Amino acid sequence: KNLESIISSPGVLEIEEQRLFKGRTAILVSAGPSLDKNVEQLKRVGNGAVIISVGTALKALLRHGIKPDVVVAVDGSHKMFKQFEGLELDDLFLVSSACLYPGIVELFPGRSFFFAGGNEILDWLSPVIGEKGALAVGGTVAVSAMDLAFRAGAENIILVGQDFAFLDDGTTHAADTMYDGVKWQ
């Protein structure tokens, strides 16, 4: 279902070749519980840095009046639509794997950049539609977001909410995320 968007949209290769974040600081925002502690500091950043949000952290940022420059999403599950549903997304750009849930892609008309990684569909299509570029993939979307910052030339990359842990009370994610209230038992 994403084929038309993939064909008509640029890929991350364009971001990489133009080094769009060259010399800038990139702040990669994930949805770990420490985001709650740092969200007020993010408000003070303003235009001083490129803010890259993973999909899970997007609602939390927007509810605090922080508009990221880019949101990165990779998951093909329909459950991920909750991360974007009902949000004002007009000024945001999406960096997406080819297999992202199509309903999310539709929310970013003309503002999507696709990448290969973890799914062979773009490798298969590249001879026909052109090279879109690739990003690293791993156990978390933050791997792709960090690779984006690196490839786009960010001078410094700051991680916020990238906890790889939970709080003493078992809280796994920041408030206002789709996992708000989830506790590790």
N, C-alpha and C. Protein backbone atom coordinates (compact mmCIF):
# COMPACT_ATOMS: atom_id res chain seq x y z
N LYS A 1 0.81 -1.20 0.00
CA LYS A 1 0.00 0.00 0.00
C LYS A 1 0.85 1.26 0.00
N ASN A 2 2.11 1.18 0.41
CA ASN A 2 2.98 2.35 0.43
C ASN A 2 3.69 2.58 -0.90
N LEU A 3 3.47 1.70 -1.87
CA LEU A 3 4.25 1.75 -3.10
C LEU A 3 4.20 3.10 -3.80
N GLU A 4 3.02 3.67 -3.95
CA GLU A 4 2.90 4.97 -4.64
C GLU A 4 3.70 6.05 -3.91
N SER A 5 3.60 6.07 -2.59
CA SER A 5 4.36 7.05 -1.81
C SER A 5 5.86 6.81 -1.90
N ILE A 6 6.25 5.56 -1.88
CA ILE A 6 7.67 5.23 -1.99
C ILE A 6 8.23 5.70 -3.33
N ILE A 7 7.50 5.47 -4.39
CA ILE A 7 7.95 5.87 -5.72
C ILE A 7 8.04 7.38 -5.85
N SER A 8 7.05 8.10 -5.33
CA SER A 8 7.00 9.55 -5.53
C SER A 8 7.81 10.36 -4.50
N SER A 9 8.26 9.71 -3.45
CA SER A 9 8.97 10.42 -2.38
C SER A 9 10.48 10.23 -2.51
N PRO A 10 11.22 11.22 -2.01
CA PRO A 10 12.69 11.05 -1.99
C PRO A 10 13.07 10.05 -0.90
N GLY A 11 14.29 9.63 -0.94
CA GLY A 11 14.79 8.72 0.09
C GLY A 11 15.76 9.42 1.01
N VAL A 12 16.19 8.71 2.03
CA VAL A 12 17.15 9.28 2.97
C VAL A 12 18.50 9.55 2.32
N LEU A 13 18.74 8.94 1.17
CA LEU A 13 19.97 9.20 0.44
C LEU A 13 20.09 10.69 0.12
N GLU A 14 18.97 11.33 -0.18
CA GLU A 14 18.96 12.76 -0.46
C GLU A 14 19.36 13.57 0.78
N ILE A 15 18.85 13.18 1.93
CA ILE A 15 19.21 13.85 3.19
C ILE A 15 20.70 13.67 3.46
N GLU A 16 21.18 12.46 3.23
CA GLU A 16 22.59 12.15 3.47
C GLU A 16 23.50 12.92 2.50
N GLU A 17 23.18 12.90 1.23
CA GLU A 17 24.02 13.57 0.23
C GLU A 17 24.06 15.08 0.44
N GLN A 18 22.96 15.67 0.87
CA GLN A 18 22.93 17.11 1.12
C GLN A 18 23.45 17.48 2.50
N ARG A 19 23.71 16.45 3.34
CA ARG A 19 24.22 16.68 4.70
C ARG A 19 23.39 17.75 5.41
N LEU A 20 22.07 17.52 5.43
CA LEU A 20 21.12 18.52 5.91
C LEU A 20 21.33 18.96 7.36
N PHE A 21 21.98 18.16 8.18
CA PHE A 21 22.21 18.54 9.57
C PHE A 21 23.67 18.93 9.82
N LYS A 22 24.42 19.18 8.75
CA LYS A 22 25.86 19.44 8.85
C LYS A 22 26.16 20.55 9.86
N GLY A 23 27.05 20.22 10.79
CA GLY A 23 27.50 21.19 11.76
C GLY A 23 26.51 21.50 12.87
N ARG A 24 25.34 20.89 12.84
CA ARG A 24 24.31 21.16 13.85
C ARG A 24 24.29 20.05 14.90
N THR A 25 23.70 20.37 16.01
CA THR A 25 23.46 19.37 17.04
C THR A 25 22.10 18.74 16.78
N ALA A 26 22.06 17.43 16.83
CA ALA A 26 20.79 16.71 16.69
C ALA A 26 20.42 16.14 18.06
N ILE A 27 19.18 16.35 18.44
CA ILE A 27 18.67 15.76 19.68
C ILE A 27 17.70 14.66 19.31
N LEU A 28 18.07 13.45 19.63
CA LEU A 28 17.26 12.27 19.34
C LEU A 28 16.39 11.98 20.56
N VAL A 29 15.07 12.09 20.38
CA VAL A 29 14.15 11.92 21.49
C VAL A 29 13.43 10.58 21.36
N SER A 30 13.64 9.75 22.38
CA SER A 30 12.97 8.46 22.49
C SER A 30 11.98 8.54 23.64
N ALA A 31 11.24 7.47 23.89
CA ALA A 31 10.12 7.51 24.82
C ALA A 31 10.38 6.87 26.17
N GLY A 32 11.64 6.73 26.54
CA GLY A 32 11.95 6.18 27.86
C GLY A 32 11.46 7.10 28.96
N PRO A 33 11.31 6.57 30.17
CA PRO A 33 10.75 7.37 31.26
C PRO A 33 11.55 8.61 31.61
N SER A 34 12.82 8.67 31.27
CA SER A 34 13.60 9.88 31.58
C SER A 34 13.17 11.07 30.73
N LEU A 35 12.41 10.83 29.67
CA LEU A 35 11.88 11.95 28.87
C LEU A 35 11.06 12.88 29.76
N ASP A 36 10.30 12.32 30.70
CA ASP A 36 9.50 13.15 31.60
C ASP A 36 10.37 14.15 32.36
N LYS A 37 11.56 13.74 32.75
CA LYS A 37 12.47 14.61 33.51
C LYS A 37 13.11 15.69 32.63
N ASN A 38 13.23 15.43 31.34
CA ASN A 38 13.99 16.31 30.45
C ASN A 38 13.15 17.12 29.49
N VAL A 39 11.84 16.93 29.48
CA VAL A 39 11.00 17.59 28.48
C VAL A 39 11.04 19.11 28.63
N GLU A 40 11.12 19.62 29.83
CA GLU A 40 11.17 21.08 30.02
C GLU A 40 12.45 21.67 29.44
N GLN A 41 13.56 20.96 29.57
CA GLN A 41 14.82 21.43 28.99
C GLN A 41 14.74 21.45 27.47
N LEU A 42 14.03 20.50 26.90
CA LEU A 42 13.87 20.48 25.43
C LEU A 42 13.13 21.70 24.92
N LYS A 43 12.21 22.22 25.71
CA LYS A 43 11.46 23.42 25.30
C LYS A 43 12.40 24.60 25.08
N ARG A 44 13.49 24.65 25.81
CA ARG A 44 14.42 25.77 25.72
C ARG A 44 15.34 25.70 24.51
N VAL A 45 15.36 24.57 23.83
CA VAL A 45 16.27 24.39 22.70
C VAL A 45 15.88 25.28 21.52
N GLY A 46 14.57 25.43 21.28
CA GLY A 46 14.11 26.25 20.16
C GLY A 46 14.69 25.76 18.85
N ASN A 47 15.19 26.68 18.04
CA ASN A 47 15.77 26.33 16.74
C ASN A 47 17.26 26.05 16.84
N GLY A 48 17.77 25.92 18.06
CA GLY A 48 19.20 25.72 18.25
C GLY A 48 19.69 24.35 17.85
N ALA A 49 18.82 23.40 17.65
CA ALA A 49 19.21 22.04 17.30
C ALA A 49 18.13 21.41 16.44
N VAL A 50 18.50 20.36 15.75
CA VAL A 50 17.54 19.56 15.01
C VAL A 50 16.96 18.55 15.99
N ILE A 51 15.65 18.51 16.13
CA ILE A 51 15.02 17.54 17.02
C ILE A 51 14.44 16.41 16.18
N ILE A 52 14.92 15.21 16.46
CA ILE A 52 14.46 14.00 15.79
C ILE A 52 13.70 13.18 16.82
N SER A 53 12.45 12.92 16.56
CA SER A 53 11.62 12.13 17.47
C SER A 53 11.35 10.76 16.89
N VAL A 54 11.36 9.75 17.74
CA VAL A 54 10.84 8.46 17.31
C VAL A 54 9.32 8.55 17.46
N GLY A 55 8.60 7.72 16.74
CA GLY A 55 7.14 7.80 16.75
C GLY A 55 6.54 7.71 18.14
N THR A 56 7.09 6.87 18.99
CA THR A 56 6.52 6.67 20.32
C THR A 56 6.61 7.93 21.18
N ALA A 57 7.59 8.77 20.95
CA ALA A 57 7.78 9.99 21.75
C ALA A 57 7.02 11.19 21.19
N LEU A 58 6.48 11.08 19.99
CA LEU A 58 5.90 12.23 19.31
C LEU A 58 4.77 12.90 20.09
N LYS A 59 3.80 12.13 20.56
CA LYS A 59 2.67 12.72 21.30
C LYS A 59 3.14 13.47 22.55
N ALA A 60 4.08 12.88 23.26
CA ALA A 60 4.59 13.53 24.47
C ALA A 60 5.23 14.88 24.12
N LEU A 61 5.99 14.91 23.06
CA LEU A 61 6.62 16.17 22.66
C LEU A 61 5.58 17.22 22.27
N LEU A 62 4.66 16.83 21.41
CA LEU A 62 3.65 17.79 20.94
C LEU A 62 2.77 18.28 22.08
N ARG A 63 2.44 17.43 23.03
CA ARG A 63 1.62 17.85 24.17
C ARG A 63 2.34 18.84 25.07
N HIS A 64 3.66 18.89 24.97
CA HIS A 64 4.44 19.85 25.73
C HIS A 64 4.85 21.05 24.86
N GLY A 65 4.27 21.15 23.67
CA GLY A 65 4.56 22.29 22.80
C GLY A 65 5.89 22.22 22.09
N ILE A 66 6.46 21.03 21.98
CA ILE A 66 7.74 20.84 21.30
C ILE A 66 7.47 20.19 19.95
N LYS A 67 7.81 20.88 18.89
CA LYS A 67 7.58 20.35 17.56
C LYS A 67 8.91 19.87 16.98
N PRO A 68 9.08 18.55 16.85
CA PRO A 68 10.33 18.06 16.27
C PRO A 68 10.42 18.40 14.79
N ASP A 69 11.62 18.36 14.28
CA ASP A 69 11.83 18.61 12.85
C ASP A 69 11.51 17.38 12.02
N VAL A 70 11.80 16.22 12.59
CA VAL A 70 11.66 14.95 11.88
C VAL A 70 11.14 13.90 12.86
N VAL A 71 10.28 13.02 12.36
CA VAL A 71 9.87 11.86 13.14
C VAL A 71 10.27 10.61 12.35
N VAL A 72 10.81 9.64 13.06
CA VAL A 72 11.27 8.40 12.44
C VAL A 72 10.36 7.27 12.92
N ALA A 73 9.89 6.46 11.97
CA ALA A 73 9.01 5.34 12.30
C ALA A 73 9.35 4.16 11.39
N VAL A 74 9.25 2.96 11.93
CA VAL A 74 9.64 1.79 11.15
C VAL A 74 8.66 0.63 11.19
N ASP A 75 7.76 0.60 12.13
CA ASP A 75 6.95 -0.59 12.40
C ASP A 75 5.73 -0.68 11.49
N GLY A 76 5.50 -1.86 10.93
CA GLY A 76 4.38 -2.09 10.03
C GLY A 76 3.06 -2.41 10.72
N SER A 77 3.07 -2.53 12.03
CA SER A 77 1.84 -2.90 12.75
C SER A 77 0.83 -1.76 12.77
N HIS A 78 -0.44 -2.11 12.61
CA HIS A 78 -1.52 -1.11 12.68
C HIS A 78 -1.59 -0.47 14.06
N LYS A 79 -1.07 -1.14 15.07
CA LYS A 79 -1.09 -0.61 16.43
C LYS A 79 -0.28 0.69 16.55
N MET A 80 0.69 0.88 15.67
CA MET A 80 1.54 2.07 15.72
C MET A 80 0.79 3.33 15.30
N PHE A 81 -0.36 3.16 14.66
CA PHE A 81 -1.13 4.33 14.23
C PHE A 81 -1.52 5.21 15.42
N LYS A 82 -1.68 4.59 16.61
CA LYS A 82 -2.03 5.34 17.82
C LYS A 82 -1.00 6.43 18.13
N GLN A 83 0.23 6.22 17.71
CA GLN A 83 1.29 7.20 17.98
C GLN A 83 1.06 8.51 17.22
N PHE A 84 0.28 8.47 16.16
CA PHE A 84 0.11 9.62 15.27
C PHE A 84 -1.33 10.12 15.19
N GLU A 85 -2.26 9.29 15.58
CA GLU A 85 -3.68 9.59 15.45
C GLU A 85 -4.07 10.88 16.17
N GLY A 86 -4.76 11.76 15.46
CA GLY A 86 -5.29 12.99 16.03
C GLY A 86 -4.27 14.09 16.27
N LEU A 87 -3.07 13.94 15.78
CA LEU A 87 -2.03 14.94 16.00
C LEU A 87 -1.94 15.92 14.82
N GLU A 88 -1.50 17.13 15.11
CA GLU A 88 -1.24 18.14 14.08
C GLU A 88 0.15 17.88 13.52
N LEU A 89 0.21 17.39 12.30
CA LEU A 89 1.47 16.95 11.71
C LEU A 89 1.90 17.75 10.49
N ASP A 90 1.21 18.84 10.19
CA ASP A 90 1.43 19.57 8.94
C ASP A 90 2.86 20.01 8.68
N ASP A 91 3.60 20.38 9.70
CA ASP A 91 4.96 20.89 9.50
C ASP A 91 6.04 19.84 9.72
N LEU A 92 5.66 18.62 9.98
CA LEU A 92 6.63 17.58 10.28
C LEU A 92 7.00 16.76 9.06
N PHE A 93 8.23 16.25 9.08
CA PHE A 93 8.71 15.35 8.05
C PHE A 93 8.84 13.96 8.64
N LEU A 94 8.52 12.96 7.84
CA LEU A 94 8.58 11.56 8.25
C LEU A 94 9.75 10.88 7.55
N VAL A 95 10.55 10.16 8.31
CA VAL A 95 11.56 9.28 7.76
C VAL A 95 11.09 7.88 8.10
N SER A 96 10.89 7.05 7.08
CA SER A 96 10.15 5.82 7.26
C SER A 96 10.76 4.64 6.52
N SER A 97 10.64 3.49 7.14
CA SER A 97 10.95 2.26 6.43
C SER A 97 9.83 2.01 5.42
N ALA A 98 10.13 1.23 4.42
CA ALA A 98 9.14 0.95 3.38
C ALA A 98 7.93 0.20 3.91
N CYS A 99 8.10 -0.51 5.02
CA CYS A 99 7.02 -1.36 5.52
C CYS A 99 6.20 -0.67 6.63
N LEU A 100 6.36 0.64 6.81
CA LEU A 100 5.59 1.34 7.83
C LEU A 100 4.09 1.19 7.56
N TYR A 101 3.32 1.12 8.61
CA TYR A 101 1.87 1.01 8.47
C TYR A 101 1.36 2.12 7.54
N PRO A 102 0.65 1.78 6.46
CA PRO A 102 0.25 2.76 5.44
C PRO A 102 -0.57 3.93 5.97
N GLY A 103 -1.38 3.72 6.99
CA GLY A 103 -2.17 4.82 7.54
C GLY A 103 -1.30 5.95 8.08
N ILE A 104 -0.12 5.61 8.56
CA ILE A 104 0.81 6.63 9.04
C ILE A 104 1.40 7.40 7.86
N VAL A 105 1.82 6.68 6.85
CA VAL A 105 2.40 7.32 5.66
C VAL A 105 1.42 8.33 5.07
N GLU A 106 0.14 7.99 5.05
CA GLU A 106 -0.88 8.88 4.48
C GLU A 106 -1.01 10.20 5.24
N LEU A 107 -0.57 10.25 6.49
CA LEU A 107 -0.64 11.48 7.28
C LEU A 107 0.46 12.48 6.92
N PHE A 108 1.41 12.07 6.08
CA PHE A 108 2.55 12.91 5.70
C PHE A 108 2.65 13.06 4.18
N PRO A 109 1.58 13.53 3.52
CA PRO A 109 1.64 13.62 2.06
C PRO A 109 2.72 14.61 1.60
N GLY A 110 3.63 14.13 0.76
CA GLY A 110 4.69 14.98 0.23
C GLY A 110 5.77 15.33 1.24
N ARG A 111 5.74 14.71 2.42
CA ARG A 111 6.73 15.03 3.45
C ARG A 111 7.36 13.76 4.03
N SER A 112 7.54 12.76 3.19
CA SER A 112 8.11 11.48 3.64
C SER A 112 9.41 11.19 2.91
N PHE A 113 10.34 10.60 3.65
CA PHE A 113 11.60 10.12 3.09
C PHE A 113 11.68 8.65 3.49
N PHE A 114 11.87 7.78 2.52
CA PHE A 114 11.90 6.35 2.79
C PHE A 114 13.33 5.82 2.83
N PHE A 115 13.51 4.72 3.54
CA PHE A 115 14.82 4.09 3.60
C PHE A 115 14.70 2.58 3.58
N ALA A 116 15.75 1.96 3.08
CA ALA A 116 15.89 0.51 3.13
C ALA A 116 16.59 0.16 4.43
N GLY A 117 16.36 -1.04 4.86
CA GLY A 117 16.99 -1.54 6.08
C GLY A 117 16.00 -2.46 6.78
N GLY A 118 16.38 -3.69 6.91
CA GLY A 118 15.53 -4.64 7.59
C GLY A 118 14.39 -5.18 6.73
N ASN A 119 14.27 -4.71 5.52
CA ASN A 119 13.21 -5.16 4.62
C ASN A 119 13.76 -5.04 3.21
N GLU A 120 13.65 -6.07 2.42
CA GLU A 120 14.27 -6.11 1.10
C GLU A 120 13.48 -5.40 0.01
N ILE A 121 12.30 -4.86 0.32
CA ILE A 121 11.45 -4.31 -0.74
C ILE A 121 12.13 -3.18 -1.51
N LEU A 122 12.84 -2.28 -0.83
CA LEU A 122 13.50 -1.19 -1.56
C LEU A 122 14.71 -1.70 -2.33
N ASP A 123 15.38 -2.71 -1.83
CA ASP A 123 16.48 -3.31 -2.59
C ASP A 123 15.93 -3.88 -3.89
N TRP A 124 14.80 -4.50 -3.80
CA TRP A 124 14.16 -5.11 -4.97
C TRP A 124 13.69 -4.04 -5.96
N LEU A 125 13.15 -2.93 -5.44
CA LEU A 125 12.60 -1.87 -6.29
C LEU A 125 13.64 -0.89 -6.84
N SER A 126 14.80 -0.80 -6.21
CA SER A 126 15.80 0.21 -6.57
C SER A 126 16.15 0.27 -8.05
N PRO A 127 16.31 -0.85 -8.75
CA PRO A 127 16.63 -0.74 -10.17
C PRO A 127 15.54 -0.02 -10.99
N VAL A 128 14.31 -0.04 -10.49
CA VAL A 128 13.19 0.57 -11.21
C VAL A 128 12.92 2.01 -10.74
N ILE A 129 12.94 2.24 -9.44
CA ILE A 129 12.54 3.55 -8.90
C ILE A 129 13.72 4.42 -8.47
N GLY A 130 14.93 3.86 -8.49
CA GLY A 130 16.10 4.59 -8.05
C GLY A 130 16.43 4.29 -6.60
N GLU A 131 17.65 4.58 -6.25
CA GLU A 131 18.15 4.30 -4.90
C GLU A 131 17.55 5.28 -3.90
N LYS A 132 17.02 4.77 -2.80
CA LYS A 132 16.44 5.60 -1.75
C LYS A 132 17.38 5.77 -0.57
N GLY A 133 18.35 4.88 -0.42
CA GLY A 133 19.27 4.94 0.70
C GLY A 133 18.84 3.99 1.79
N ALA A 134 19.73 3.79 2.74
CA ALA A 134 19.47 2.85 3.83
C ALA A 134 19.87 3.45 5.16
N LEU A 135 19.22 2.99 6.19
CA LEU A 135 19.59 3.32 7.56
C LEU A 135 19.73 2.02 8.33
N ALA A 136 20.52 2.06 9.37
CA ALA A 136 20.67 0.90 10.23
C ALA A 136 19.35 0.64 10.94
N VAL A 137 19.08 -0.61 11.22
CA VAL A 137 17.90 -1.00 11.98
C VAL A 137 18.36 -1.91 13.11
N GLY A 138 17.58 -1.93 14.19
CA GLY A 138 17.93 -2.77 15.33
C GLY A 138 16.71 -3.02 16.18
N GLY A 139 16.91 -3.26 17.45
CA GLY A 139 15.82 -3.59 18.35
C GLY A 139 14.94 -2.42 18.71
N THR A 140 15.31 -1.23 18.29
CA THR A 140 14.54 -0.02 18.57
C THR A 140 14.64 0.94 17.39
N VAL A 141 13.59 1.70 17.15
CA VAL A 141 13.58 2.68 16.08
C VAL A 141 14.67 3.73 16.29
N ALA A 142 15.12 3.90 17.53
CA ALA A 142 16.16 4.88 17.82
C ALA A 142 17.46 4.56 17.08
N VAL A 143 17.70 3.31 16.76
CA VAL A 143 18.89 2.95 15.98
C VAL A 143 18.83 3.64 14.62
N SER A 144 17.68 3.57 13.97
CA SER A 144 17.52 4.23 12.66
C SER A 144 17.60 5.74 12.80
N ALA A 145 17.01 6.29 13.85
CA ALA A 145 17.03 7.74 14.07
C ALA A 145 18.45 8.23 14.30
N MET A 146 19.24 7.49 15.06
CA MET A 146 20.62 7.88 15.31
C MET A 146 21.44 7.81 14.02
N ASP A 147 21.22 6.77 13.24
CA ASP A 147 21.93 6.64 11.98
C ASP A 147 21.57 7.80 11.04
N LEU A 148 20.31 8.21 11.05
CA LEU A 148 19.89 9.37 10.25
C LEU A 148 20.68 10.61 10.66
N ALA A 149 20.76 10.88 11.96
CA ALA A 149 21.49 12.06 12.44
C ALA A 149 22.95 12.00 12.01
N PHE A 150 23.55 10.85 12.14
CA PHE A 150 24.95 10.67 11.75
C PHE A 150 25.14 10.90 10.26
N ARG A 151 24.33 10.24 9.44
CA ARG A 151 24.48 10.33 7.98
C ARG A 151 24.15 11.72 7.45
N ALA A 152 23.30 12.45 8.16
CA ALA A 152 22.93 13.81 7.72
C ALA A 152 23.95 14.84 8.18
N GLY A 153 25.00 14.40 8.87
CA GLY A 153 26.10 15.29 9.19
C GLY A 153 26.04 15.98 10.53
N ALA A 154 25.18 15.53 11.44
CA ALA A 154 25.10 16.18 12.75
C ALA A 154 26.47 16.16 13.42
N GLU A 155 26.85 17.29 13.97
CA GLU A 155 28.14 17.40 14.63
C GLU A 155 28.11 16.72 16.00
N ASN A 156 27.00 16.90 16.71
CA ASN A 156 26.78 16.28 18.01
C ASN A 156 25.41 15.61 18.00
N ILE A 157 25.30 14.49 18.68
CA ILE A 157 24.02 13.79 18.81
C ILE A 157 23.76 13.59 20.29
N ILE A 158 22.67 14.19 20.76
CA ILE A 158 22.28 14.09 22.16
C ILE A 158 21.08 13.14 22.26
N LEU A 159 21.14 12.20 23.18
CA LEU A 159 20.06 11.24 23.37
C LEU A 159 19.20 11.65 24.56
N VAL A 160 17.91 11.71 24.38
CA VAL A 160 16.96 12.00 25.45
C VAL A 160 15.91 10.88 25.45
N GLY A 161 15.65 10.31 26.60
CA GLY A 161 14.65 9.24 26.70
C GLY A 161 15.11 7.92 26.15
N GLN A 162 16.39 7.78 25.89
CA GLN A 162 16.95 6.53 25.38
C GLN A 162 17.48 5.75 26.56
N ASP A 163 16.58 5.19 27.36
CA ASP A 163 16.93 4.65 28.66
C ASP A 163 17.40 3.20 28.65
N PHE A 164 16.83 2.38 27.82
CA PHE A 164 17.11 0.94 27.85
C PHE A 164 16.90 0.38 29.26
N ALA A 165 15.95 0.96 29.97
CA ALA A 165 15.69 0.55 31.35
C ALA A 165 14.31 1.03 31.76
N PHE A 166 13.91 0.68 32.96
CA PHE A 166 12.65 1.17 33.50
C PHE A 166 12.92 1.72 34.89
N LEU A 167 11.99 2.50 35.41
CA LEU A 167 12.14 3.11 36.72
C LEU A 167 11.96 2.08 37.82
N ASP A 168 12.32 2.45 39.03
CA ASP A 168 12.20 1.54 40.18
C ASP A 168 10.77 1.02 40.36
N ASP A 169 9.77 1.85 40.00
CA ASP A 169 8.37 1.42 40.15
C ASP A 169 7.89 0.60 38.95
N GLY A 170 8.79 0.34 37.97
CA GLY A 170 8.44 -0.47 36.81
C GLY A 170 7.98 0.31 35.60
N THR A 171 7.90 1.64 35.69
CA THR A 171 7.47 2.46 34.55
C THR A 171 8.42 2.25 33.38
N THR A 172 7.86 1.91 32.22
CA THR A 172 8.68 1.58 31.05
C THR A 172 8.84 2.73 30.06
N HIS A 173 7.86 3.65 30.04
CA HIS A 173 7.87 4.73 29.04
C HIS A 173 7.42 6.04 29.68
N ALA A 174 7.69 7.12 28.98
CA ALA A 174 7.29 8.45 29.43
C ALA A 174 5.77 8.60 29.38
N ALA A 175 5.27 9.59 30.10
CA ALA A 175 3.85 9.93 30.06
C ALA A 175 3.49 10.42 28.66
N ASP A 176 2.23 10.32 28.32
CA ASP A 176 1.69 10.78 27.04
C ASP A 176 2.19 9.97 25.84
N THR A 177 2.76 8.80 26.09
CA THR A 177 3.11 7.91 24.98
C THR A 177 2.07 6.80 24.93
N MET A 178 2.10 5.99 23.89
CA MET A 178 1.11 4.92 23.79
C MET A 178 1.30 3.85 24.86
N TYR A 179 2.43 3.91 25.56
CA TYR A 179 2.70 2.95 26.64
C TYR A 179 2.61 3.62 28.02
N ASP A 180 2.00 4.77 28.09
CA ASP A 180 1.83 5.49 29.35
C ASP A 180 1.12 4.57 30.35
N GLY A 181 1.68 4.43 31.54
CA GLY A 181 1.07 3.61 32.57
C GLY A 181 1.51 2.15 32.57
N VAL A 182 2.24 1.73 31.54
CA VAL A 182 2.70 0.34 31.50
C VAL A 182 3.82 0.17 32.53
N LYS A 183 3.73 -0.91 33.27
CA LYS A 183 4.72 -1.20 34.31
C LYS A 183 5.34 -2.58 34.06
N TRP A 184 6.66 -2.66 34.24
CA TRP A 184 7.36 -3.94 34.17
C TRP A 184 7.11 -4.66 35.48
N GLN A 185 6.74 -5.92 35.39
CA GLN A 185 6.41 -6.66 36.62
C GLN A 185 7.37 -7.79 36.84
